[in-house]
Amino acid sequence: MSPTNTSLATGVIISLATAPKKPWGQAQGQVREIAAGTLDADGTLLPGTATAWDWRLSVASIEQSGDFTPYDGCDRTLTVIAGELLELTSNGTVHAVELYRPLKFPGGSNTSAALPTGEILALNLITRSGAVRGNVRIVELSKKREQHLFGSQFGVLLQGKASVLQEGTERELQTRDTVVGGEEDSPRISGRGFMAVVSLDLP
């Protein structure tokens, strides 16, 4: 088991563009991991290892219809972040997953995807049931109202232009960059566009 090299310190910007691509499923697409880890007793983010984690956040392309890899004992939240529509069948129930509409479903369910409008890109959050609860919401950014990122939160820039202000320093964000939140001098995001705010909590 090799430890992740991703720092989870407050204000760290994780660049998706530099993350390695790995194939998933039966050549159905490629996945890039943003971060994976655990939460300690007070809810602080801790890095995990390649095979030992209680939460994992990634971006995956879905390029062909087919079955998803099951994750028994986990919950999954999938958000389409590029493309139009994903038809997701989970345990016999069909869900029409539209752009920026997060869908949570059991990770161990029999799940398959169809692509009625072509390839899509998805933000994937997987959390281990009983260890971590996860939530994804999409917020519209504003230059007049800052979006704070608090402890055990990530902000993933999905579209537009934005910057992060922390400790008097302003840094630009690139599309699909991820900012790590924190309680002390929490990063503040302003700009124009949309951001996925991912929150992790102890059950």
Protein backbone atom coordinates (compact mmCIF):
# COMPACT_ATOMS: atom_id res chain seq x y z
CA MET A 1 0.00 0.00 0.00
CA SER A 2 1.51 3.27 -1.09
CA PRO A 3 0.39 6.49 0.62
CA THR A 4 -1.23 9.22 -1.42
CA ASN A 5 1.01 12.19 -2.13
CA THR A 6 -1.87 14.66 -2.00
CA SER A 7 -1.59 17.21 0.78
CA LEU A 8 -4.86 17.90 2.60
CA ALA A 9 -3.68 21.08 4.36
CA THR A 10 -6.05 24.03 4.43
CA GLY A 11 -5.90 26.08 1.25
CA VAL A 12 -3.98 23.54 -0.85
CA ILE A 13 -4.97 23.63 -4.53
CA ILE A 14 -5.07 20.19 -6.15
CA SER A 15 -4.63 20.35 -9.92
CA LEU A 16 -6.63 17.75 -11.81
CA ALA A 17 -4.55 18.42 -14.93
CA THR A 18 -1.46 16.92 -13.27
CA ALA A 19 -3.20 13.82 -11.88
CA PRO A 20 -2.42 10.59 -13.77
CA LYS A 21 -5.18 8.98 -15.84
CA LYS A 22 -6.12 5.36 -15.23
CA PRO A 23 -8.58 3.22 -17.20
CA TRP A 24 -11.66 1.94 -15.40
CA GLY A 25 -14.19 -0.80 -16.13
CA GLN A 26 -13.97 -2.56 -19.47
CA ALA A 27 -12.25 0.37 -21.20
CA GLN A 28 -15.34 2.51 -20.54
CA GLY A 29 -13.30 5.59 -19.77
CA GLN A 30 -10.53 7.07 -17.67
CA VAL A 31 -10.39 8.28 -14.08
CA ARG A 32 -8.24 10.84 -12.30
CA GLU A 33 -8.13 10.77 -8.51
CA ILE A 34 -8.35 14.11 -6.70
CA ALA A 35 -7.81 12.81 -3.17
CA ALA A 36 -8.59 9.89 -0.87
CA GLY A 37 -8.32 9.41 2.85
CA THR A 38 -10.05 9.11 6.21
CA LEU A 39 -11.42 11.37 8.95
CA ASP A 40 -10.00 11.39 12.46
CA ALA A 41 -12.10 11.57 15.63
CA ASP A 42 -12.67 15.33 15.32
CA GLY A 43 -13.47 15.19 11.60
CA THR A 44 -10.10 16.35 10.31
CA LEU A 45 -9.08 15.16 6.84
CA LEU A 46 -6.29 12.59 6.84
CA PRO A 47 -4.62 11.10 3.75
CA GLY A 48 -5.23 7.42 3.12
CA THR A 49 -3.42 4.87 1.01
CA ALA A 50 -4.07 3.47 -2.43
CA THR A 51 -6.17 0.64 -0.98
CA ALA A 52 -7.14 1.90 2.51
CA TRP A 53 -9.51 4.85 2.56
CA ASP A 54 -12.93 5.85 3.89
CA TRP A 55 -13.61 8.49 1.23
CA ARG A 56 -12.39 9.06 -2.30
CA LEU A 57 -12.98 11.94 -4.70
CA SER A 58 -12.25 11.61 -8.41
CA VAL A 59 -13.23 12.73 -11.90
CA ALA A 60 -14.01 10.08 -14.51
CA SER A 61 -14.90 10.12 -18.17
CA ILE A 62 -17.74 7.80 -19.18
CA GLU A 63 -17.11 7.10 -22.84
CA GLN A 64 -19.07 3.89 -23.37
CA SER A 65 -22.23 2.37 -21.95
CA GLY A 66 -21.70 -0.48 -19.50
CA ASP A 67 -21.55 -1.64 -15.90
CA PHE A 68 -19.96 0.25 -13.03
CA THR A 69 -17.45 -1.33 -10.68
CA PRO A 70 -19.30 -2.17 -7.44
CA TYR A 71 -18.06 -0.78 -4.12
CA ASP A 72 -19.67 -2.91 -1.42
CA GLY A 73 -20.26 -1.16 1.88
CA CYS A 74 -20.01 2.29 0.34
CA ASP A 75 -22.24 5.12 -0.83
CA ARG A 76 -21.59 6.90 -4.12
CA THR A 77 -22.52 10.39 -5.26
CA LEU A 78 -22.17 11.03 -8.99
CA THR A 79 -22.41 14.48 -10.57
CA VAL A 80 -22.31 15.07 -14.32
CA ILE A 81 -19.91 18.01 -14.80
CA ALA A 82 -19.53 17.98 -18.61
CA GLY A 83 -21.94 16.63 -21.19
CA GLU A 84 -25.71 16.61 -21.12
CA LEU A 85 -27.31 13.47 -19.75
CA LEU A 86 -26.41 10.13 -18.16
CA GLU A 87 -28.94 7.34 -17.79
CA LEU A 88 -27.95 5.44 -14.67
CA THR A 89 -29.68 2.19 -13.73
CA SER A 90 -29.16 1.20 -10.09
CA ASN A 91 -30.77 -2.02 -8.83
CA GLY A 92 -33.35 -1.83 -11.62
CA THR A 93 -34.27 1.84 -11.12
CA VAL A 94 -33.44 4.21 -13.99
CA HIS A 95 -32.23 7.72 -13.12
CA ALA A 96 -31.82 10.51 -15.67
CA VAL A 97 -28.77 12.35 -14.30
CA GLU A 98 -28.54 15.86 -15.71
CA LEU A 99 -25.67 18.34 -15.61
CA TYR A 100 -24.90 19.60 -12.08
CA ARG A 101 -27.56 17.39 -10.45
CA PRO A 102 -25.80 15.13 -7.91
CA LEU A 103 -27.21 11.62 -7.49
CA LYS A 104 -26.46 9.46 -4.43
CA PHE A 105 -26.87 5.67 -4.67
CA PRO A 106 -25.55 2.52 -2.95
CA GLY A 107 -22.03 1.72 -4.09
CA GLY A 108 -22.61 -2.02 -3.99
CA SER A 109 -25.71 -1.94 -6.18
CA ASN A 110 -25.85 -3.40 -9.68
CA THR A 111 -25.26 -0.19 -11.62
CA SER A 112 -24.98 0.45 -15.33
CA ALA A 113 -24.72 3.57 -17.47
CA ALA A 114 -26.14 4.54 -20.86
CA LEU A 115 -25.14 7.62 -22.86
CA PRO A 116 -28.14 8.94 -24.83
CA THR A 117 -26.40 12.25 -25.67
CA GLY A 118 -22.78 11.09 -25.87
CA GLU A 119 -19.79 10.99 -23.55
CA ILE A 120 -19.89 12.69 -20.17
CA LEU A 121 -17.47 13.68 -17.42
CA ALA A 122 -18.47 12.93 -13.84
CA LEU A 123 -17.35 13.95 -10.37
CA ASN A 124 -17.41 10.85 -8.16
CA LEU A 125 -17.53 10.81 -4.37
CA ILE A 126 -17.33 7.41 -2.66
CA THR A 127 -17.71 7.16 1.13
CA ARG A 128 -17.54 4.07 3.33
CA SER A 129 -20.87 3.48 5.05
CA GLY A 130 -20.67 3.87 8.82
CA ALA A 131 -17.34 5.70 8.62
CA VAL A 132 -17.99 8.88 6.61
CA ARG A 133 -21.03 10.69 5.27
CA GLY A 134 -20.62 12.65 2.05
CA ASN A 135 -22.61 15.43 0.43
CA VAL A 136 -22.17 17.30 -2.84
CA ARG A 137 -23.88 20.56 -3.71
CA ILE A 138 -23.39 22.85 -6.68
CA VAL A 139 -23.05 26.57 -5.97
CA GLU A 140 -22.96 29.52 -8.34
CA LEU A 141 -19.99 31.74 -7.62
CA SER A 142 -20.17 35.51 -7.26
CA LYS A 143 -17.63 38.31 -7.15
CA LYS A 144 -19.74 40.06 -4.53
CA ARG A 145 -20.36 37.12 -2.19
CA GLU A 146 -17.47 34.84 -1.25
CA GLN A 147 -17.89 31.08 -0.92
CA HIS A 148 -16.15 29.87 2.23
CA LEU A 149 -14.71 26.35 2.40
CA PHE A 150 -14.66 25.02 5.95
CA GLY A 151 -13.15 21.95 7.60
CA SER A 152 -13.59 18.61 5.79
CA GLN A 153 -14.75 20.39 2.65
CA PHE A 154 -13.44 20.55 -0.89
CA GLY A 155 -14.34 23.04 -3.58
CA VAL A 156 -14.02 21.85 -7.21
CA LEU A 157 -14.22 24.59 -9.85
CA LEU A 158 -16.44 23.19 -12.59
CA GLN A 159 -16.85 26.16 -14.88
CA GLY A 160 -15.83 29.80 -15.17
CA LYS A 161 -13.09 31.89 -13.62
CA ALA A 162 -12.40 32.15 -9.91
CA SER A 163 -9.72 32.87 -7.35
CA VAL A 164 -9.07 31.75 -3.80
CA LEU A 165 -8.18 34.24 -1.05
CA GLN A 166 -6.42 33.03 2.08
CA GLU A 167 -4.12 34.76 4.56
CA GLY A 168 -4.10 37.88 2.40
CA THR A 169 -2.91 36.00 -0.69
CA GLU A 170 -5.02 35.62 -3.82
CA ARG A 171 -4.45 32.73 -6.24
CA GLU A 172 -6.18 31.93 -9.51
CA LEU A 173 -8.01 28.66 -10.02
CA GLN A 174 -8.02 26.67 -13.24
CA THR A 175 -11.06 24.70 -14.36
CA ARG A 176 -11.42 21.52 -12.25
CA ASP A 177 -8.88 22.63 -9.67
CA THR A 178 -9.83 21.56 -6.15
CA VAL A 179 -9.34 23.69 -3.02
CA VAL A 180 -9.05 22.07 0.43
CA GLY A 181 -11.12 23.82 3.09
CA GLY A 182 -10.34 24.39 6.77
CA GLU A 183 -11.64 25.92 9.99
CA GLU A 184 -8.68 28.21 10.62
CA ASP A 185 -8.54 31.03 8.03
CA SER A 186 -10.86 29.12 5.73
CA PRO A 187 -10.25 29.69 1.99
CA ARG A 188 -12.70 32.07 0.33
CA ILE A 189 -13.65 31.66 -3.33
CA SER A 190 -14.97 34.43 -5.56
CA GLY A 191 -15.51 34.71 -9.28
CA ARG A 192 -18.00 33.70 -11.95
CA GLY A 193 -19.08 30.16 -12.67
CA PHE A 194 -20.01 27.01 -10.79
CA MET A 195 -18.29 25.06 -8.03
CA ALA A 196 -18.99 21.68 -6.47
CA VAL A 197 -18.74 21.90 -2.68
CA VAL A 198 -18.00 18.46 -1.27
CA SER A 199 -18.59 18.01 2.47
CA LEU A 200 -17.43 15.05 4.56
CA ASP A 201 -18.75 14.32 8.05
CA LEU A 202 -18.55 11.64 10.71
CA PRO A 203 -21.78 9.59 10.95
